[in-house]
N, C-alpha and C. Protein backbone atom coordinates (compact mmCIF):
# COMPACT_ATOMS: atom_id res chain seq x y z
N MET A 1 -37.28 -12.79 -59.27
CA MET A 1 -37.65 -14.14 -58.94
C MET A 1 -36.99 -14.59 -57.63
N LEU A 2 -35.73 -14.24 -57.42
CA LEU A 2 -35.05 -14.63 -56.19
C LEU A 2 -35.65 -13.94 -54.98
N LEU A 3 -35.98 -12.67 -55.14
CA LEU A 3 -36.58 -11.94 -54.02
C LEU A 3 -37.94 -12.51 -53.67
N GLN A 4 -38.71 -12.90 -54.66
CA GLN A 4 -40.01 -13.51 -54.43
C GLN A 4 -39.85 -14.86 -53.71
N ALA A 5 -38.90 -15.65 -54.15
CA ALA A 5 -38.64 -16.94 -53.51
C ALA A 5 -38.24 -16.74 -52.05
N ALA A 6 -37.44 -15.71 -51.79
CA ALA A 6 -37.03 -15.42 -50.41
C ALA A 6 -38.24 -15.09 -49.55
N ARG A 7 -39.17 -14.32 -50.09
CA ARG A 7 -40.39 -14.00 -49.34
C ARG A 7 -41.27 -15.24 -49.15
N ASP A 8 -41.46 -15.98 -50.23
CA ASP A 8 -42.36 -17.13 -50.18
C ASP A 8 -41.87 -18.24 -49.25
N PHE A 9 -40.55 -18.41 -49.19
CA PHE A 9 -39.99 -19.53 -48.44
C PHE A 9 -39.20 -19.09 -47.22
N ASP A 10 -39.30 -17.80 -46.86
CA ASP A 10 -38.61 -17.26 -45.69
C ASP A 10 -37.12 -17.57 -45.73
N LEU A 11 -36.48 -17.23 -46.85
CA LEU A 11 -35.06 -17.48 -47.05
C LEU A 11 -34.24 -16.24 -46.70
N THR A 12 -33.06 -16.47 -46.22
CA THR A 12 -32.08 -15.41 -46.05
C THR A 12 -31.12 -15.55 -47.23
N LEU A 13 -31.23 -14.65 -48.20
CA LEU A 13 -30.49 -14.80 -49.45
C LEU A 13 -28.98 -14.81 -49.26
N SER A 14 -28.48 -14.15 -48.23
CA SER A 14 -27.04 -14.18 -47.99
C SER A 14 -26.57 -15.56 -47.55
N ARG A 15 -27.50 -16.44 -47.21
CA ARG A 15 -27.15 -17.82 -46.85
C ARG A 15 -27.50 -18.80 -47.96
N CYS A 16 -27.89 -18.26 -49.12
CA CYS A 16 -28.28 -19.09 -50.25
C CYS A 16 -27.18 -19.15 -51.30
N ILE A 17 -27.26 -20.17 -52.14
CA ILE A 17 -26.30 -20.37 -53.21
C ILE A 17 -27.04 -20.39 -54.53
N MET A 18 -26.64 -19.52 -55.45
CA MET A 18 -27.23 -19.49 -56.79
C MET A 18 -26.31 -20.25 -57.72
N VAL A 19 -26.83 -21.31 -58.32
CA VAL A 19 -26.08 -22.10 -59.29
C VAL A 19 -26.68 -21.81 -60.65
N GLY A 20 -25.85 -21.41 -61.60
CA GLY A 20 -26.37 -21.10 -62.92
C GLY A 20 -25.35 -21.38 -64.01
N ASP A 21 -25.86 -21.39 -65.25
CA ASP A 21 -24.97 -21.69 -66.38
C ASP A 21 -24.84 -20.53 -67.35
N LYS A 22 -25.23 -19.33 -66.91
CA LYS A 22 -25.06 -18.17 -67.79
C LYS A 22 -24.83 -16.92 -66.95
N ALA A 23 -24.33 -15.90 -67.59
CA ALA A 23 -23.96 -14.66 -66.91
C ALA A 23 -25.15 -14.05 -66.16
N ASP A 24 -26.33 -14.09 -66.75
CA ASP A 24 -27.51 -13.51 -66.09
C ASP A 24 -27.80 -14.18 -64.76
N ASP A 25 -27.60 -15.50 -64.67
CA ASP A 25 -27.82 -16.22 -63.42
C ASP A 25 -26.87 -15.71 -62.34
N ILE A 26 -25.62 -15.56 -62.71
CA ILE A 26 -24.60 -15.12 -61.74
C ILE A 26 -24.87 -13.68 -61.31
N GLU A 27 -25.20 -12.82 -62.24
CA GLU A 27 -25.50 -11.43 -61.92
C GLU A 27 -26.70 -11.35 -60.98
N ALA A 28 -27.74 -12.12 -61.24
CA ALA A 28 -28.92 -12.12 -60.38
C ALA A 28 -28.56 -12.59 -58.97
N GLY A 29 -27.78 -13.65 -58.90
CA GLY A 29 -27.37 -14.16 -57.59
C GLY A 29 -26.54 -13.14 -56.82
N LYS A 30 -25.62 -12.49 -57.50
CA LYS A 30 -24.79 -11.46 -56.85
C LYS A 30 -25.64 -10.29 -56.35
N ARG A 31 -26.56 -9.84 -57.19
CA ARG A 31 -27.42 -8.72 -56.80
C ARG A 31 -28.30 -9.06 -55.60
N ALA A 32 -28.67 -10.33 -55.49
CA ALA A 32 -29.51 -10.77 -54.37
C ALA A 32 -28.68 -11.06 -53.12
N GLY A 33 -27.36 -11.06 -53.26
CA GLY A 33 -26.50 -11.30 -52.10
C GLY A 33 -26.16 -12.75 -51.87
N CYS A 34 -26.39 -13.59 -52.87
CA CYS A 34 -26.10 -15.03 -52.76
C CYS A 34 -24.65 -15.33 -53.10
N LEU A 35 -24.17 -16.45 -52.62
CA LEU A 35 -22.93 -17.03 -53.12
C LEU A 35 -23.27 -17.59 -54.50
N THR A 36 -22.35 -17.53 -55.44
CA THR A 36 -22.68 -17.97 -56.80
C THR A 36 -21.70 -19.01 -57.32
N ILE A 37 -22.27 -19.94 -58.10
CA ILE A 37 -21.47 -20.98 -58.75
C ILE A 37 -21.85 -21.01 -60.23
N LEU A 38 -20.89 -20.78 -61.09
CA LEU A 38 -21.09 -20.86 -62.53
C LEU A 38 -20.75 -22.26 -63.00
N VAL A 39 -21.71 -22.92 -63.66
CA VAL A 39 -21.48 -24.23 -64.26
C VAL A 39 -21.11 -24.01 -65.71
N ARG A 40 -19.90 -24.44 -66.08
CA ARG A 40 -19.39 -24.19 -67.43
C ARG A 40 -19.82 -25.25 -68.43
N SER A 41 -21.01 -25.73 -68.30
CA SER A 41 -21.57 -26.63 -69.32
C SER A 41 -22.71 -25.88 -69.99
N GLY A 42 -23.12 -26.30 -71.14
CA GLY A 42 -24.20 -25.58 -71.82
C GLY A 42 -23.82 -24.14 -72.08
N GLN A 43 -24.68 -23.22 -71.70
CA GLN A 43 -24.45 -21.80 -71.93
C GLN A 43 -23.29 -21.25 -71.12
N GLY A 44 -22.92 -21.92 -70.05
CA GLY A 44 -21.85 -21.46 -69.18
C GLY A 44 -20.49 -21.41 -69.84
N LYS A 45 -20.32 -22.12 -70.95
CA LYS A 45 -19.01 -22.15 -71.62
C LYS A 45 -18.57 -20.77 -72.06
N GLY A 46 -19.47 -19.90 -72.45
CA GLY A 46 -19.11 -18.57 -72.89
C GLY A 46 -19.33 -17.49 -71.85
N SER A 47 -19.81 -17.88 -70.68
CA SER A 47 -20.18 -16.88 -69.67
C SER A 47 -19.00 -16.22 -69.00
N GLU A 48 -17.86 -16.91 -68.91
CA GLU A 48 -16.71 -16.29 -68.26
C GLU A 48 -16.35 -14.98 -68.95
N ALA A 49 -16.34 -14.97 -70.27
CA ALA A 49 -16.01 -13.75 -71.01
C ALA A 49 -17.05 -12.67 -70.78
N ALA A 50 -18.32 -13.04 -70.73
CA ALA A 50 -19.38 -12.06 -70.52
C ALA A 50 -19.30 -11.44 -69.13
N LEU A 51 -18.82 -12.18 -68.16
CA LEU A 51 -18.73 -11.68 -66.78
C LEU A 51 -17.42 -10.96 -66.50
N ALA A 52 -16.42 -11.16 -67.34
CA ALA A 52 -15.07 -10.65 -67.06
C ALA A 52 -15.02 -9.17 -66.75
N GLY A 53 -15.69 -8.35 -67.51
CA GLY A 53 -15.60 -6.92 -67.30
C GLY A 53 -16.69 -6.33 -66.42
N THR A 54 -17.53 -7.16 -65.84
CA THR A 54 -18.68 -6.64 -65.09
C THR A 54 -18.44 -6.48 -63.61
N GLY A 55 -17.41 -7.13 -63.09
CA GLY A 55 -17.19 -7.09 -61.65
C GLY A 55 -18.14 -7.99 -60.89
N THR A 56 -18.88 -8.82 -61.62
CA THR A 56 -19.83 -9.72 -60.98
C THR A 56 -19.48 -11.18 -61.24
N GLY A 57 -18.21 -11.48 -61.22
CA GLY A 57 -17.79 -12.85 -61.46
C GLY A 57 -18.32 -13.79 -60.39
N PRO A 58 -18.43 -15.07 -60.72
CA PRO A 58 -18.93 -16.04 -59.75
C PRO A 58 -17.93 -16.29 -58.62
N ASP A 59 -18.43 -16.77 -57.52
CA ASP A 59 -17.55 -17.14 -56.42
C ASP A 59 -16.79 -18.42 -56.75
N TYR A 60 -17.46 -19.31 -57.50
CA TYR A 60 -16.86 -20.57 -57.93
C TYR A 60 -17.23 -20.82 -59.38
N GLU A 61 -16.35 -21.50 -60.10
CA GLU A 61 -16.62 -21.96 -61.47
C GLU A 61 -16.34 -23.46 -61.51
N VAL A 62 -17.27 -24.21 -62.06
CA VAL A 62 -17.13 -25.66 -62.13
C VAL A 62 -17.51 -26.15 -63.51
N ASP A 63 -17.12 -27.39 -63.81
CA ASP A 63 -17.41 -27.96 -65.13
C ASP A 63 -18.78 -28.61 -65.23
N ASP A 64 -19.36 -29.04 -64.10
CA ASP A 64 -20.65 -29.72 -64.16
C ASP A 64 -21.38 -29.60 -62.83
N LEU A 65 -22.63 -30.06 -62.82
CA LEU A 65 -23.45 -29.97 -61.60
C LEU A 65 -22.90 -30.82 -60.47
N ALA A 66 -22.29 -31.93 -60.80
CA ALA A 66 -21.71 -32.78 -59.75
C ALA A 66 -20.63 -32.00 -58.98
N ALA A 67 -19.82 -31.25 -59.68
CA ALA A 67 -18.79 -30.44 -59.03
C ALA A 67 -19.42 -29.35 -58.18
N ALA A 68 -20.50 -28.75 -58.67
CA ALA A 68 -21.21 -27.74 -57.88
C ALA A 68 -21.77 -28.36 -56.61
N ALA A 69 -22.32 -29.55 -56.72
CA ALA A 69 -22.86 -30.24 -55.54
C ALA A 69 -21.78 -30.52 -54.51
N ARG A 70 -20.59 -30.88 -54.96
CA ARG A 70 -19.49 -31.14 -54.03
C ARG A 70 -19.11 -29.87 -53.27
N ILE A 71 -19.09 -28.75 -53.97
CA ILE A 71 -18.79 -27.47 -53.30
C ILE A 71 -19.88 -27.16 -52.28
N ILE A 72 -21.12 -27.29 -52.71
CA ILE A 72 -22.24 -26.99 -51.81
C ILE A 72 -22.18 -27.87 -50.56
N ALA A 73 -21.85 -29.13 -50.74
CA ALA A 73 -21.78 -30.06 -49.60
C ALA A 73 -20.72 -29.61 -48.59
N THR A 74 -19.64 -29.01 -49.07
CA THR A 74 -18.59 -28.57 -48.14
C THR A 74 -18.94 -27.22 -47.49
N LEU A 75 -19.81 -26.44 -48.11
CA LEU A 75 -20.15 -25.11 -47.59
C LEU A 75 -21.35 -25.11 -46.67
N SER A 76 -22.28 -26.01 -46.90
CA SER A 76 -23.55 -25.98 -46.19
C SER A 76 -23.49 -26.83 -44.94
N PRO A 77 -23.63 -26.18 -43.79
CA PRO A 77 -23.68 -26.99 -42.57
C PRO A 77 -25.00 -27.75 -42.52
N PRO A 78 -25.03 -28.89 -41.83
CA PRO A 78 -26.29 -29.62 -41.72
C PRO A 78 -27.36 -28.74 -41.05
N ALA A 79 -28.57 -28.85 -41.51
CA ALA A 79 -29.66 -28.06 -40.95
C ALA A 79 -29.99 -28.58 -39.56
N ALA A 80 -30.23 -27.65 -38.64
CA ALA A 80 -30.63 -28.03 -37.30
C ALA A 80 -32.14 -28.29 -37.28
N ALA A 81 -32.59 -29.07 -36.37
CA ALA A 81 -34.03 -29.33 -36.25
C ALA A 81 -34.75 -28.02 -36.04
N GLY A 82 -35.79 -27.82 -36.79
CA GLY A 82 -36.58 -26.59 -36.68
C GLY A 82 -36.09 -25.47 -37.57
N ASP A 83 -35.02 -25.67 -38.32
CA ASP A 83 -34.51 -24.64 -39.24
C ASP A 83 -35.38 -24.53 -40.45
């Protein structure tokens, strides 16, 4: 799905951020080359243990989407005209 989105929207996945609440989301983001943020609400509460032995831990772990948004705001430079 991420690779298809990259083709459809002309995305550079290494410049994208995958935000998810389960281990599969983080693994998919890592495989695609994205920065990853695990939200520890909902399914994310048990995902840390599932990711622990895989070597595919998230780049960031947060308690809610608001915290993820704050991280994204600090990482993402403003888009230039024509980007």
